[in-house]
């Protein structure tokens, strides 16, 4: 856990479930966070934060560097007239 710009070591007992999974929430890890994991010969497990990015985004960035600007549309999506008609008939 962090305190005043420094990293403070924290020891918390973590138990694996029946599927050998663990929760890192008590350590303050946010959801959908990726780590590279290493199991050492002494049994210790080291987790290193990792950035995971689909390769397709690398290709898109290379071919169309401004794609993020063109995708952003501030207008909220509106249901089509066909959908509104079907919905009206169903209700």
PDB file of N, CA and C in Angstrom:
ATOM      1  N   UNK A   1       0.833  -1.172   0.000  1.00  0.00           N
ATOM      2  CA  UNK A   1       0.000   0.000   0.000  1.00  0.00           C
ATOM      3  C   UNK A   1       0.880   1.239   0.000  1.00  0.00           C
ATOM      4  N   UNK A   2       0.377   2.308  -0.533  1.00  0.00           N
ATOM      5  CA  UNK A   2       1.174   3.507  -0.689  1.00  0.00           C
ATOM      6  C   UNK A   2       0.895   4.482   0.446  1.00  0.00           C
ATOM      7  N   UNK A   3       1.944   5.197   0.833  1.00  0.00           N
ATOM      8  CA  UNK A   3       1.792   6.210   1.862  1.00  0.00           C
ATOM      9  C   UNK A   3       2.818   7.296   1.671  1.00  0.00           C
ATOM     10  N   UNK A   4       2.371   8.476   1.346  1.00  0.00           N
ATOM     11  CA  UNK A   4       3.244   9.647   1.193  1.00  0.00           C
ATOM     12  C   UNK A   4       4.363   9.421   0.188  1.00  0.00           C
ATOM     13  N   UNK A   5       4.013   8.831  -0.951  1.00  0.00           N
ATOM     14  CA  UNK A   5       4.990   8.680  -2.015  1.00  0.00           C
ATOM     15  C   UNK A   5       5.934   7.514  -1.864  1.00  0.00           C
ATOM     16  N   UNK A   6       5.807   6.722  -0.812  1.00  0.00           N
ATOM     17  CA  UNK A   6       6.682   5.568  -0.639  1.00  0.00           C
ATOM     18  C   UNK A   6       5.848   4.301  -0.636  1.00  0.00           C
ATOM     19  N   UNK A   7       6.488   3.213  -0.924  1.00  0.00           N
ATOM     20  CA  UNK A   7       5.826   1.917  -0.923  1.00  0.00           C
ATOM     21  C   UNK A   7       6.045   1.266   0.430  1.00  0.00           C
ATOM     22  N   UNK A   8       4.952   0.947   1.111  1.00  0.00           N
ATOM     23  CA  UNK A   8       5.037   0.311   2.413  1.00  0.00           C
ATOM     24  C   UNK A   8       4.740  -1.174   2.252  1.00  0.00           C
ATOM     25  N   UNK A   9       5.660  -2.057   2.628  1.00  0.00           N
ATOM     26  CA  UNK A   9       5.395  -3.496   2.512  1.00  0.00           C
ATOM     27  C   UNK A   9       4.215  -3.912   3.385  1.00  0.00           C
ATOM     28  N   UNK A  10       3.370  -4.777   2.833  1.00  0.00           N
ATOM     29  CA  UNK A  10       2.210  -5.271   3.558  1.00  0.00           C
ATOM     30  C   UNK A  10       2.192  -6.787   3.425  1.00  0.00           C
ATOM     31  N   UNK A  11       2.002  -7.471   4.533  1.00  0.00           N
ATOM     32  CA  UNK A  11       1.876  -8.930   4.498  1.00  0.00           C
ATOM     33  C   UNK A  11       0.451  -9.297   4.858  1.00  0.00           C
ATOM     34  N   UNK A  12      -0.214  -9.983   3.950  1.00  0.00           N
ATOM     35  CA  UNK A  12      -1.590 -10.421   4.160  1.00  0.00           C
ATOM     36  C   UNK A  12      -1.651 -11.889   3.775  1.00  0.00           C
ATOM     37  N   UNK A  13      -2.281 -12.682   4.604  1.00  0.00           N
ATOM     38  CA  UNK A  13      -2.457 -14.095   4.292  1.00  0.00           C
ATOM     39  C   UNK A  13      -3.497 -14.224   3.185  1.00  0.00           C
ATOM     40  N   UNK A  14      -3.118 -14.858   2.092  1.00  0.00           N
ATOM     41  CA  UNK A  14      -4.013 -15.057   0.955  1.00  0.00           C
ATOM     42  C   UNK A  14      -4.197 -16.554   0.771  1.00  0.00           C
ATOM     43  N   UNK A  15      -5.442 -16.960   0.625  1.00  0.00           N
ATOM     44  CA  UNK A  15      -5.768 -18.381   0.470  1.00  0.00           C
ATOM     45  C   UNK A  15      -6.284 -18.640  -0.935  1.00  0.00           C
ATOM     46  N   UNK A  16      -5.839 -19.727  -1.545  1.00  0.00           N
ATOM     47  CA  UNK A  16      -6.363 -20.104  -2.852  1.00  0.00           C
ATOM     48  C   UNK A  16      -7.714 -20.780  -2.657  1.00  0.00           C
ATOM     49  N   UNK A  17      -8.605 -20.592  -3.656  1.00  0.00           N
ATOM     50  CA  UNK A  17      -9.893 -21.270  -3.587  1.00  0.00           C
ATOM     51  C   UNK A  17      -9.761 -22.651  -4.225  1.00  0.00           C
ATOM     52  N   UNK A  18     -10.870 -23.338  -4.413  1.00  0.00           N
ATOM     53  CA  UNK A  18     -10.823 -24.702  -4.936  1.00  0.00           C
ATOM     54  C   UNK A  18     -10.264 -24.769  -6.359  1.00  0.00           C
ATOM     55  N   UNK A  19     -10.296 -23.639  -7.052  1.00  0.00           N
ATOM     56  CA  UNK A  19      -9.750 -23.594  -8.410  1.00  0.00           C
ATOM     57  C   UNK A  19      -8.351 -22.975  -8.439  1.00  0.00           C
ATOM     58  N   UNK A  20      -7.736 -22.815  -7.254  1.00  0.00           N
ATOM     59  CA  UNK A  20      -6.389 -22.262  -7.077  1.00  0.00           C
ATOM     60  C   UNK A  20      -6.296 -20.796  -7.483  1.00  0.00           C
ATOM     61  N   UNK A  21      -7.399 -20.049  -7.319  1.00  0.00           N
ATOM     62  CA  UNK A  21      -7.407 -18.616  -7.600  1.00  0.00           C
ATOM     63  C   UNK A  21      -7.249 -17.851  -6.289  1.00  0.00           C
ATOM     64  N   UNK A  22      -6.755 -16.621  -6.406  1.00  0.00           N
ATOM     65  CA  UNK A  22      -6.629 -15.747  -5.237  1.00  0.00           C
ATOM     66  C   UNK A  22      -7.225 -14.384  -5.572  1.00  0.00           C
ATOM     67  N   UNK A  23      -7.612 -13.647  -4.542  1.00  0.00           N
ATOM     68  CA  UNK A  23      -8.095 -12.281  -4.713  1.00  0.00           C
ATOM     69  C   UNK A  23      -7.021 -11.329  -4.199  1.00  0.00           C
ATOM     70  N   UNK A  24      -6.710 -10.333  -4.994  1.00  0.00           N
ATOM     71  CA  UNK A  24      -5.715  -9.336  -4.605  1.00  0.00           C
ATOM     72  C   UNK A  24      -6.384  -8.036  -4.143  1.00  0.00           C
ATOM     73  N   UNK A  25      -7.692  -8.059  -3.963  1.00  0.00           N
ATOM     74  CA  UNK A  25      -8.431  -6.856  -3.579  1.00  0.00           C
ATOM     75  C   UNK A  25      -7.953  -6.289  -2.250  1.00  0.00           C
ATOM     76  N   UNK A  26      -7.641  -7.146  -1.301  1.00  0.00           N
ATOM     77  CA  UNK A  26      -7.194  -6.641   0.009  1.00  0.00           C
ATOM     78  C   UNK A  26      -5.835  -5.955  -0.064  1.00  0.00           C
ATOM     79  N   UNK A  27      -5.138  -6.165  -1.155  1.00  0.00           N
ATOM     80  CA  UNK A  27      -3.866  -5.468  -1.356  1.00  0.00           C
ATOM     81  C   UNK A  27      -4.060  -4.160  -2.117  1.00  0.00           C
ATOM     82  N   UNK A  28      -5.312  -3.848  -2.437  1.00  0.00           N
ATOM     83  CA  UNK A  28      -5.609  -2.603  -3.130  1.00  0.00           C
ATOM     84  C   UNK A  28      -5.473  -2.672  -4.635  1.00  0.00           C
ATOM     85  N   UNK A  29      -5.441  -3.879  -5.183  1.00  0.00           N
ATOM     86  CA  UNK A  29      -5.311  -4.040  -6.628  1.00  0.00           C
ATOM     87  C   UNK A  29      -6.667  -3.776  -7.271  1.00  0.00           C
ATOM     88  N   UNK A  30      -6.669  -2.939  -8.304  1.00  0.00           N
ATOM     89  CA  UNK A  30      -7.899  -2.611  -9.008  1.00  0.00           C
ATOM     90  C   UNK A  30      -8.308  -3.755  -9.925  1.00  0.00           C
ATOM     91  N   UNK A  31      -9.602  -3.800 -10.254  1.00  0.00           N
ATOM     92  CA  UNK A  31     -10.119  -4.815 -11.167  1.00  0.00           C
ATOM     93  C   UNK A  31      -9.494  -4.652 -12.544  1.00  0.00           C
ATOM     94  N   UNK A  32      -9.448  -5.733 -13.285  1.00  0.00           N
ATOM     95  CA  UNK A  32      -8.941  -5.740 -14.654  1.00  0.00           C
ATOM     96  C   UNK A  32      -7.511  -5.220 -14.762  1.00  0.00           C
ATOM     97  N   UNK A  33      -6.674  -5.596 -13.811  1.00  0.00           N
ATOM     98  CA  UNK A  33      -5.262  -5.240 -13.821  1.00  0.00           C
ATOM     99  C   UNK A  33      -4.475  -6.476 -14.242  1.00  0.00           C
ATOM    100  N   UNK A  34      -3.484  -6.291 -15.093  1.00  0.00           N
ATOM    101  CA  UNK A  34      -2.701  -7.413 -15.594  1.00  0.00           C
ATOM    102  C   UNK A  34      -1.328  -7.464 -14.938  1.00  0.00           C
ATOM    103  N   UNK A  35      -0.849  -8.688 -14.730  1.00  0.00           N
ATOM    104  CA  UNK A  35       0.468  -8.911 -14.144  1.00  0.00           C
ATOM    105  C   UNK A  35       1.174 -10.029 -14.888  1.00  0.00           C
ATOM    106  N   UNK A  36       2.494  -9.945 -14.959  1.00  0.00           N
ATOM    107  CA  UNK A  36       3.310 -11.072 -15.373  1.00  0.00           C
ATOM    108  C   UNK A  36       3.647 -11.819 -14.087  1.00  0.00           C
ATOM    109  N   UNK A  37       3.449 -13.118 -14.081  1.00  0.00           N
ATOM    110  CA  UNK A  37       3.672 -13.908 -12.873  1.00  0.00           C
ATOM    111  C   UNK A  37       4.874 -14.820 -13.052  1.00  0.00           C
ATOM    112  N   UNK A  38       5.617 -14.961 -11.975  1.00  0.00           N
ATOM    113  CA  UNK A  38       6.790 -15.835 -11.977  1.00  0.00           C
ATOM    114  C   UNK A  38       6.765 -16.649 -10.687  1.00  0.00           C
ATOM    115  N   UNK A  39       6.864 -17.964 -10.823  1.00  0.00           N
ATOM    116  CA  UNK A  39       6.970 -18.829  -9.642  1.00  0.00           C
ATOM    117  C   UNK A  39       8.425 -19.259  -9.529  1.00  0.00           C
ATOM    118  N   UNK A  40       9.030 -18.902  -8.420  1.00  0.00           N
ATOM    119  CA  UNK A  40      10.458 -19.189  -8.221  1.00  0.00           C
ATOM    120  C   UNK A  40      10.661 -20.555  -7.590  1.00  0.00           C
ATOM    121  N   UNK A  41      11.900 -21.040  -7.632  1.00  0.00           N
ATOM    122  CA  UNK A  41      12.206 -22.384  -7.130  1.00  0.00           C
ATOM    123  C   UNK A  41      11.956 -22.517  -5.631  1.00  0.00           C
ATOM    124  N   UNK A  42      11.991 -21.394  -4.875  1.00  0.00           N
ATOM    125  CA  UNK A  42      11.735 -21.457  -3.438  1.00  0.00           C
ATOM    126  C   UNK A  42      10.242 -21.419  -3.113  1.00  0.00           C
ATOM    127  N   UNK A  43       9.390 -21.387  -4.174  1.00  0.00           N
ATOM    128  CA  UNK A  43       7.942 -21.384  -3.961  1.00  0.00           C
ATOM    129  C   UNK A  43       7.327 -19.991  -3.953  1.00  0.00           C
ATOM    130  N   UNK A  44       8.147 -18.960  -3.926  1.00  0.00           N
ATOM    131  CA  UNK A  44       7.588 -17.602  -3.919  1.00  0.00           C
ATOM    132  C   UNK A  44       7.039 -17.261  -5.299  1.00  0.00           C
ATOM    133  N   UNK A  45       6.031 -16.410  -5.301  1.00  0.00           N
ATOM    134  CA  UNK A  45       5.397 -15.963  -6.539  1.00  0.00           C
ATOM    135  C   UNK A  45       5.586 -14.457  -6.639  1.00  0.00           C
ATOM    136  N   UNK A  46       6.098 -14.009  -7.761  1.00  0.00           N
ATOM    137  CA  UNK A  46       6.351 -12.584  -7.985  1.00  0.00           C
ATOM    138  C   UNK A  46       5.388 -12.109  -9.065  1.00  0.00           C
ATOM    139  N   UNK A  47       4.666 -11.022  -8.781  1.00  0.00           N
ATOM    140  CA  UNK A  47       3.770 -10.413  -9.757  1.00  0.00           C
ATOM    141  C   UNK A  47       4.338  -9.058 -10.158  1.00  0.00           C
ATOM    142  N   UNK A  48       4.469  -8.841 -11.452  1.00  0.00           N
ATOM    143  CA  UNK A  48       4.996  -7.580 -11.969  1.00  0.00           C
ATOM    144  C   UNK A  48       3.907  -6.948 -12.838  1.00  0.00           C
ATOM    145  N   UNK A  49       3.515  -5.692 -12.552  1.00  0.00           N
ATOM    146  CA  UNK A  49       2.478  -5.052 -13.374  1.00  0.00           C
ATOM    147  C   UNK A  49       2.845  -5.087 -14.859  1.00  0.00           C
ATOM    148  N   UNK A  50       1.844  -5.370 -15.695  1.00  0.00           N
ATOM    149  CA  UNK A  50       2.077  -5.469 -17.137  1.00  0.00           C
ATOM    150  C   UNK A  50       0.992  -4.712 -17.880  1.00  0.00           C
ATOM    151  N   UNK A  51       1.378  -4.140 -19.018  1.00  0.00           N
ATOM    152  CA  UNK A  51       0.407  -3.496 -19.890  1.00  0.00           C
ATOM    153  C   UNK A  51       0.103  -4.463 -21.021  1.00  0.00           C
ATOM    154  N   UNK A  52      -1.155  -4.812 -21.151  1.00  0.00           N
ATOM    155  CA  UNK A  52      -1.559  -5.756 -22.186  1.00  0.00           C
ATOM    156  C   UNK A  52      -2.359  -4.975 -23.225  1.00  0.00           C
ATOM    157  N   UNK A  53      -1.961  -5.131 -24.459  1.00  0.00           N
ATOM    158  CA  UNK A  53      -2.605  -4.375 -25.529  1.00  0.00           C
ATOM    159  C   UNK A  53      -2.749  -5.308 -26.725  1.00  0.00           C
ATOM    160  N   UNK A  54      -3.966  -5.450 -27.233  1.00  0.00           N
ATOM    161  CA  UNK A  54      -4.140  -6.331 -28.393  1.00  0.00           C
ATOM    162  C   UNK A  54      -3.287  -5.876 -29.578  1.00  0.00           C
ATOM    163  N   UNK A  55      -2.723  -6.837 -30.296  1.00  0.00           N
ATOM    164  CA  UNK A  55      -1.865  -6.519 -31.439  1.00  0.00           C
ATOM    165  C   UNK A  55      -2.620  -5.755 -32.515  1.00  0.00           C
ATOM    166  N   UNK A  56      -3.915  -5.984 -32.616  1.00  0.00           N
ATOM    167  CA  UNK A  56      -4.683  -5.281 -33.641  1.00  0.00           C
ATOM    168  C   UNK A  56      -4.628  -3.769 -33.423  1.00  0.00           C
ATOM    169  N   UNK A  57      -4.571  -3.314 -32.161  1.00  0.00           N
ATOM    170  CA  UNK A  57      -4.477  -1.879 -31.907  1.00  0.00           C
ATOM    171  C   UNK A  57      -3.136  -1.322 -32.380  1.00  0.00           C
ATOM    172  N   UNK A  58      -2.082  -2.117 -32.286  1.00  0.00           N
ATOM    173  CA  UNK A  58      -0.784  -1.680 -32.806  1.00  0.00           C
ATOM    174  C   UNK A  58      -0.856  -1.463 -34.318  1.00  0.00           C
ATOM    175  N   UNK A  59      -1.534  -2.373 -35.020  1.00  0.00           N
ATOM    176  CA  UNK A  59      -1.676  -2.256 -36.471  1.00  0.00           C
ATOM    177  C   UNK A  59      -2.519  -1.030 -36.810  1.00  0.00           C
ATOM    178  N   UNK A  60      -3.632  -0.850 -36.111  1.00  0.00           N
ATOM    179  CA  UNK A  60      -4.501   0.299 -36.364  1.00  0.00           C
ATOM    180  C   UNK A  60      -3.747   1.597 -36.094  1.00  0.00           C
ATOM    181  N   UNK A  61      -3.003   1.663 -34.990  1.00  0.00           N
ATOM    182  CA  UNK A  61      -2.225   2.866 -34.683  1.00  0.00           C
ATOM    183  C   UNK A  61      -1.218   3.179 -35.784  1.00  0.00           C
ATOM    184  N   UNK A  62      -0.612   2.149 -36.332  1.00  0.00           N
ATOM    185  CA  UNK A  62       0.390   2.358 -37.381  1.00  0.00           C
ATOM    186  C   UNK A  62      -0.260   2.828 -38.686  1.00  0.00           C
ATOM    187  N   UNK A  63      -1.413   2.234 -39.044  1.00  0.00           N
ATOM    188  CA  UNK A  63      -2.055   2.556 -40.319  1.00  0.00           C
ATOM    189  C   UNK A  63      -2.917   3.814 -40.261  1.00  0.00           C
ATOM    190  N   UNK A  64      -3.505   4.096 -39.096  1.00  0.00           N
ATOM    191  CA  UNK A  64      -4.392   5.267 -38.944  1.00  0.00           C
ATOM    192  C   UNK A  64      -4.153   5.901 -37.586  1.00  0.00           C
ATOM    193  N   UNK A  65      -3.078   6.680 -37.439  1.00  0.00           N
ATOM    194  CA  UNK A  65      -2.709   7.217 -36.125  1.00  0.00           C
ATOM    195  C   UNK A  65      -3.779   8.088 -35.462  1.00  0.00           C
ATOM    196  N   UNK A  66      -4.700   8.659 -36.257  1.00  0.00           N
ATOM    197  CA  UNK A  66      -5.736   9.529 -35.680  1.00  0.00           C
ATOM    198  C   UNK A  66      -7.056   8.795 -35.450  1.00  0.00           C
ATOM    199  N   UNK A  67      -7.059   7.470 -35.427  1.00  0.00           N
ATOM    200  CA  UNK A  67      -8.316   6.729 -35.346  1.00  0.00           C
ATOM    201  C   UNK A  67      -9.100   7.028 -34.078  1.00  0.00           C
ATOM    202  N   UNK A  68      -8.432   7.279 -32.959  1.00  0.00           N
ATOM    203  CA  UNK A  68      -9.149   7.536 -31.711  1.00  0.00           C
ATOM    204  C   UNK A  68      -9.989   8.806 -31.797  1.00  0.00           C
ATOM    205  N   UNK A  69      -9.472   9.811 -32.484  1.00  0.00           N
ATOM    206  CA  UNK A  69     -10.225  11.053 -32.648  1.00  0.00           C
ATOM    207  C   UNK A  69     -11.448  10.846 -33.525  1.00  0.00           C
ATOM    208  N   UNK A  70     -11.340  10.026 -34.548  1.00  0.00           N
ATOM    209  CA  UNK A  70     -12.471   9.809 -35.448  1.00  0.00           C
ATOM    210  C   UNK A  70     -13.529   8.903 -34.840  1.00  0.00           C
ATOM    211  N   UNK A  71     -13.151   8.072 -33.875  1.00  0.00           N
ATOM    212  CA  UNK A  71     -14.103   7.167 -33.242  1.00  0.00           C
ATOM    213  C   UNK A  71     -14.947   7.897 -32.205  1.00  0.00           C
ATOM    214  N   UNK A  72     -14.360   8.862 -31.541  1.00  0.00           N
ATOM    215  CA  UNK A  72     -15.069   9.574 -30.477  1.00  0.00           C
ATOM    216  C   UNK A  72     -16.209  10.387 -31.066  1.00  0.00           C
ATOM    217  N   UNK A  73     -17.427  10.063 -30.648  1.00  0.00           N
ATOM    218  CA  UNK A  73     -18.613  10.795 -31.095  1.00  0.00           C
ATOM    219  C   UNK A  73     -19.372  11.241 -29.859  1.00  0.00           C
ATOM    220  N   UNK A  74     -19.436  12.554 -29.607  1.00  0.00           N
ATOM    221  CA  UNK A  74     -20.094  13.029 -28.391  1.00  0.00           C
ATOM    222  C   UNK A  74     -21.612  12.846 -28.401  1.00  0.00           C
ATOM    223  N   UNK A  75     -22.193  12.535 -29.570  1.00  0.00           N
ATOM    224  CA  UNK A  75     -23.636  12.358 -29.657  1.00  0.00           C
ATOM    225  C   UNK A  75     -24.024  11.001 -29.096  1.00  0.00           C
ATOM    226  N   UNK A  76     -24.911  10.979 -28.094  1.00  0.00           N
ATOM    227  CA  UNK A  76     -25.326   9.674 -27.564  1.00  0.00           C
ATOM    228  C   UNK A  76     -26.102   8.894 -28.625  1.00  0.00           C
ATOM    229  N   UNK A  77     -25.950   7.579 -28.645  1.00  0.00           N
ATOM    230  CA  UNK A  77     -26.648   6.776 -29.655  1.00  0.00           C
ATOM    231  C   UNK A  77     -28.163   6.867 -29.468  1.00  0.00           C
ATOM    232  N   UNK A  78     -28.877   6.912 -30.589  1.00  0.00           N
ATOM    233  CA  UNK A  78     -30.330   6.985 -30.572  1.00  0.00           C
ATOM    234  C   UNK A  78     -30.891   5.706 -31.179  1.00  0.00           C
ATOM    235  N   UNK A  79     -31.976   5.164 -30.590  1.00  0.00           N
ATOM    236  CA  UNK A  79     -32.581   3.964 -31.169  1.00  0.00           C
ATOM    237  C   UNK A  79     -33.160   4.287 -32.553  1.00  0.00           C
ATOM    238  N   UNK A  80     -33.107   3.314 -33.429  1.00  0.00           N
ATOM    239  CA  UNK A  80     -33.644   3.521 -34.771  1.00  0.00           C
ATOM    240  C   UNK A  80     -35.170   3.542 -34.719  1.00  0.00           C
ATOM    241  N   UNK A  81     -35.774   4.080 -35.786  1.00  0.00           N
ATOM    242  CA  UNK A  81     -37.237   4.140 -35.864  1.00  0.00           C
ATOM    243  C   UNK A  81     -37.822   2.729 -35.876  1.00  0.00           C
ATOM    244  N   UNK A  82     -37.143   1.791 -36.552  1.00  0.00           N
ATOM    245  CA  UNK A  82     -37.621   0.413 -36.604  1.00  0.00           C
ATOM    246  C   UNK A  82     -37.668  -0.179 -35.204  1.00  0.00           C
ATOM    247  N   UNK A  83     -36.609   0.038 -34.418  1.00  0.00           N
ATOM    248  CA  UNK A  83     -36.585  -0.464 -33.051  1.00  0.00           C
ATOM    249  C   UNK A  83     -37.716   0.128 -32.225  1.00  0.00           C
ATOM    250  N   UNK A  84     -37.936   1.417 -32.353  1.00  0.00           N
ATOM    251  CA  UNK A  84     -39.005   2.074 -31.600  1.00  0.00           C
ATOM    252  C   UNK A  84     -40.361   1.494 -31.986  1.00  0.00           C
ATOM    253  N   UNK A  85     -40.579   1.193 -33.262  1.00  0.00           N
ATOM    254  CA  UNK A  85     -41.836   0.611 -33.709  1.00  0.00           C
ATOM    255  C   UNK A  85     -42.031  -0.787 -33.124  1.00  0.00           C
ATOM    256  N   UNK A  86     -40.994  -1.625 -33.195  1.00  0.00           N
ATOM    257  CA  UNK A  86     -41.078  -2.984 -32.643  1.00  0.00           C
ATOM    258  C   UNK A  86     -41.299  -2.927 -31.141  1.00  0.00           C
ATOM    259  N   UNK A  87     -40.580  -2.051 -30.473  1.00  0.00           N
ATOM    260  CA  UNK A  87     -40.728  -1.907 -29.017  1.00  0.00           C
ATOM    261  C   UNK A  87     -42.140  -1.463 -28.669  1.00  0.00           C
ATOM    262  N   UNK A  88     -42.677  -0.513 -29.428  1.00  0.00           N
ATOM    263  CA  UNK A  88     -44.039  -0.038 -29.175  1.00  0.00           C
ATOM    264  C   UNK A  88     -45.078  -1.127 -29.345  1.00  0.00           C
ATOM    265  N   UNK A  89     -44.899  -1.987 -30.338  1.00  0.00           N
ATOM    266  CA  UNK A  89     -45.828  -3.082 -30.568  1.00  0.00           C
ATOM    267  C   UNK A  89     -45.735  -4.150 -29.483  1.00  0.00           C
ATOM    268  N   UNK A  90     -44.535  -4.319 -28.935  1.00  0.00           N
ATOM    269  CA  UNK A  90     -44.326  -5.356 -27.904  1.00  0.00           C
ATOM    270  C   UNK A  90     -44.882  -4.936 -26.564  1.00  0.00           C
ATOM    271  N   UNK A  91     -44.914  -3.638 -26.304  1.00  0.00           N
ATOM    272  CA  UNK A  91     -45.368  -3.141 -25.006  1.00  0.00           C
ATOM    273  C   UNK A  91     -46.821  -2.979 -25.044  1.00  0.00           C
TER     274      UNK A  91
END
